[in-house]
Amino acid sequence: VSQSRYPFLLSSEDLDNLDLLVIYGLESRSGDWGRITEFVKKGGNLFVETGGNSVFTEEENLPEVFPMNQVEFGALGREWQVEAKEEMANINFATLEPLVFQGEAWKLSYVGDLQAFRTECNILLTQAGKPVVVERNLGSGKVIWSGLNSWYRPWELKNNGMVEVEMVNTILKRLISIVTGK
């Protein structure tokens, strides 16, 4: 497992030694996405988070590895209004802090147009009817994309951090179960 803000520094050999790559906090969208796409197609698993101050706000033509070709960025309410599937349905959203950051509505990356989805996608979580966590089968691997900025929320919301981390934990468990078969 590797977490990276700089995934393009990983060589093909580095990627061949991984089962799971987590991308969060990218500083630039330019780089060799083809190498990461090939990693997934060959059986690697990817969790990519684009919420918050992402380089992927209001983007079209996202790299092939993403479940969609376009995302939007903005607020989708201050309260959780979710429809969750599979393991995500086990999260008690009533225990999470509201979607608020410094007094303003928490901004998310989301799929605004359902026509933006690529093949073999499964929406795992919507907020206010907009997909914010999506899974995609790609070749022999799997990608889970999140637009919630779910890595930052536990740090920002320290008083409720252990509850907030449950969302990331659920996504990682889903990917790790694929790797381990458990």
Protein backbone atom coordinates (compact mmCIF):
# COMPACT_ATOMS: atom_id res chain seq x y z
CA VAL A 1 0.00 0.00 0.00
CA SER A 2 1.27 3.46 -0.85
CA GLN A 3 -0.28 6.89 -0.27
CA SER A 4 0.98 9.64 -2.50
CA ARG A 5 0.56 13.28 -3.37
CA TYR A 6 3.13 12.61 -6.10
CA PRO A 7 2.08 9.32 -7.74
CA PHE A 8 3.86 10.20 -10.96
CA LEU A 9 7.19 9.72 -9.20
CA LEU A 10 6.37 6.02 -8.87
CA SER A 11 7.92 3.93 -11.62
CA SER A 12 6.17 1.03 -13.29
CA GLU A 13 8.36 -1.25 -11.16
CA ASP A 14 7.25 0.56 -7.99
CA LEU A 15 3.62 0.14 -9.00
CA ASP A 16 4.16 -3.54 -9.81
CA ASN A 17 5.06 -4.03 -6.12
CA LEU A 18 1.81 -2.49 -4.87
CA ASP A 19 -1.66 -3.91 -4.42
CA LEU A 20 -3.23 -0.59 -3.45
CA LEU A 21 -2.37 3.03 -4.26
CA VAL A 22 -4.06 5.98 -2.51
CA ILE A 23 -3.88 9.37 -4.22
CA TYR A 24 -4.79 12.40 -2.15
CA GLY A 25 -3.72 16.03 -2.26
CA LEU A 26 -2.36 16.13 -5.79
CA GLU A 27 -0.60 19.39 -6.54
CA SER A 28 -0.84 19.01 -10.32
CA ARG A 29 -3.07 16.98 -12.60
CA SER A 30 -0.34 16.67 -15.22
CA GLY A 31 1.72 13.52 -15.14
CA ASP A 32 1.76 9.98 -16.43
CA TRP A 33 -1.79 8.85 -15.74
CA GLY A 34 -1.24 6.10 -18.32
CA ARG A 35 1.14 4.31 -15.94
CA ILE A 36 -1.45 4.48 -13.13
CA THR A 37 -4.19 3.29 -15.49
CA GLU A 38 -2.04 0.32 -16.50
CA PHE A 39 -1.38 -0.44 -12.81
CA VAL A 40 -5.16 -0.75 -12.25
CA LYS A 41 -5.81 -2.69 -15.47
CA LYS A 42 -3.17 -5.24 -14.42
CA GLY A 43 -4.96 -5.86 -11.10
CA GLY A 44 -3.92 -2.94 -8.90
CA ASN A 45 -6.43 -1.08 -6.77
CA LEU A 46 -6.69 2.68 -6.51
CA PHE A 47 -8.40 5.05 -4.08
CA VAL A 48 -8.35 8.59 -5.44
CA GLU A 49 -9.72 11.52 -3.41
CA THR A 50 -10.48 14.77 -5.24
CA GLY A 51 -12.54 16.67 -2.66
CA GLY A 52 -11.40 19.96 -1.13
CA ASN A 53 -8.91 22.14 -2.98
CA SER A 54 -8.39 19.58 -5.68
CA VAL A 55 -6.69 20.13 -9.00
CA PHE A 56 -9.78 18.38 -10.40
CA THR A 57 -12.48 21.00 -9.78
CA GLU A 58 -14.84 21.63 -12.66
CA GLU A 59 -12.69 19.42 -14.88
CA GLU A 60 -13.63 17.78 -18.13
CA ASN A 61 -11.77 14.93 -19.78
CA LEU A 62 -10.45 13.36 -16.60
CA PRO A 63 -7.80 10.67 -17.09
CA GLU A 64 -9.09 7.24 -18.17
CA VAL A 65 -8.59 5.68 -14.73
CA PHE A 66 -11.35 7.85 -13.21
CA PRO A 67 -14.91 6.43 -13.13
CA MET A 68 -16.17 9.54 -14.88
CA ASN A 69 -14.88 11.99 -17.45
CA GLN A 70 -16.05 15.11 -15.59
CA VAL A 71 -16.57 16.39 -12.03
CA GLU A 72 -18.08 19.52 -10.60
CA PHE A 73 -17.16 21.30 -7.37
CA GLY A 74 -19.38 23.05 -4.88
CA ALA A 75 -21.61 22.78 -1.84
CA LEU A 76 -24.37 20.18 -1.67
CA GLY A 77 -25.96 21.30 1.58
CA ARG A 78 -24.78 21.57 5.16
CA GLU A 79 -26.48 18.40 6.42
CA TRP A 80 -25.90 14.85 5.28
CA GLN A 81 -28.60 13.82 2.78
CA VAL A 82 -27.17 10.50 1.68
CA GLU A 83 -28.13 7.41 -0.19
CA ALA A 84 -25.50 4.80 0.58
CA LYS A 85 -24.95 1.35 -0.90
CA GLU A 86 -23.09 -1.76 0.15
CA GLU A 87 -20.59 -1.18 3.01
CA MET A 88 -21.18 2.57 2.90
CA ALA A 89 -24.72 1.90 4.15
CA ASN A 90 -23.21 0.72 7.45
CA ILE A 91 -21.89 4.21 8.26
CA ASN A 92 -24.09 6.09 10.72
CA PHE A 93 -24.13 9.48 9.00
CA ALA A 94 -26.16 10.94 11.88
CA THR A 95 -22.99 10.72 14.01
CA LEU A 96 -20.85 12.65 11.52
CA GLU A 97 -20.32 16.37 11.79
CA PRO A 98 -22.40 18.53 9.43
CA LEU A 99 -20.94 19.44 6.06
CA VAL A 100 -19.55 22.76 7.27
CA PHE A 101 -16.05 24.25 7.00
CA GLN A 102 -15.24 27.53 8.75
CA GLY A 103 -18.93 28.46 8.89
CA GLU A 104 -19.58 27.79 5.20
CA ALA A 105 -21.02 24.72 3.49
CA TRP A 106 -18.36 22.03 2.92
CA LYS A 107 -17.43 21.93 -0.77
CA LEU A 108 -17.29 18.58 -2.54
CA SER A 109 -16.34 17.16 -5.89
CA TYR A 110 -19.34 15.39 -7.37
CA VAL A 111 -20.69 14.02 -10.60
CA GLY A 112 -23.27 16.51 -11.82
CA ASP A 113 -24.15 14.74 -15.06
CA LEU A 114 -24.81 11.01 -14.97
CA GLN A 115 -23.82 10.85 -18.65
CA ALA A 116 -20.25 11.55 -17.47
CA PHE A 117 -19.86 7.99 -16.12
CA ARG A 118 -17.62 5.54 -17.89
CA THR A 119 -18.24 1.79 -18.09
CA GLU A 120 -18.54 -0.58 -15.13
CA CYS A 121 -19.30 2.03 -12.46
CA ASN A 122 -21.15 1.55 -9.19
CA ILE A 123 -22.32 4.58 -7.20
CA LEU A 124 -21.58 3.85 -3.53
CA LEU A 125 -22.68 7.17 -2.00
CA THR A 126 -24.68 10.21 -3.05
CA GLN A 127 -25.06 13.52 -1.23
CA ALA A 128 -28.21 15.47 -2.09
CA GLY A 129 -28.71 13.14 -5.06
CA LYS A 130 -25.23 13.71 -6.55
CA PRO A 131 -22.66 10.87 -6.68
CA VAL A 132 -19.73 11.57 -4.33
CA VAL A 133 -18.20 8.07 -3.96
CA VAL A 134 -18.02 5.84 -7.03
CA GLU A 135 -16.39 2.49 -7.71
CA ARG A 136 -15.20 1.33 -11.11
CA ASN A 137 -13.90 -1.98 -12.38
CA LEU A 138 -11.09 -1.38 -14.85
CA GLY A 139 -9.36 -4.37 -16.37
CA SER A 140 -8.43 -6.69 -13.51
CA GLY A 141 -8.36 -3.89 -10.91
CA LYS A 142 -10.68 -1.51 -9.14
CA VAL A 143 -10.84 2.25 -8.57
CA ILE A 144 -12.78 4.00 -5.84
CA TRP A 145 -13.10 7.76 -6.30
CA SER A 146 -14.30 10.09 -3.55
CA GLY A 147 -15.12 13.77 -3.75
CA LEU A 148 -15.70 14.24 -0.01
CA ASN A 149 -12.19 15.25 1.05
CA SER A 150 -12.58 12.37 3.46
CA TRP A 151 -8.88 12.35 4.46
CA TYR A 152 -9.09 15.94 5.71
CA ARG A 153 -12.36 15.73 7.65
CA PRO A 154 -10.96 13.70 10.61
CA TRP A 155 -8.08 16.18 10.95
CA GLU A 156 -10.32 19.26 10.69
CA LEU A 157 -13.03 17.83 12.96
CA LYS A 158 -10.74 16.60 15.73
CA ASN A 159 -13.46 16.39 18.38
CA ASN A 160 -15.27 13.80 16.27
CA GLY A 161 -12.25 12.49 14.35
CA MET A 162 -12.64 8.80 15.17
CA VAL A 163 -16.20 8.82 13.87
CA GLU A 164 -15.18 10.80 10.79
CA VAL A 165 -12.39 8.38 9.91
CA GLU A 166 -14.97 5.60 9.54
CA MET A 167 -15.71 6.69 5.98
CA VAL A 168 -12.08 6.33 4.87
CA ASN A 169 -11.80 3.11 6.85
CA THR A 170 -14.85 1.67 5.05
CA ILE A 171 -13.46 2.54 1.60
CA LEU A 172 -10.02 1.13 2.41
CA LYS A 173 -11.52 -2.06 3.86
CA ARG A 174 -13.46 -2.53 0.62
CA LEU A 175 -10.28 -2.27 -1.45
CA ILE A 176 -8.16 -4.29 0.96
CA SER A 177 -10.74 -7.09 1.01
CA ILE A 178 -10.31 -7.30 -2.75
CA VAL A 179 -6.54 -7.58 -2.33
CA THR A 180 -6.64 -10.14 0.50
CA GLY A 181 -9.79 -11.96 -0.50
CA LYS A 182 -11.16 -11.49 3.04
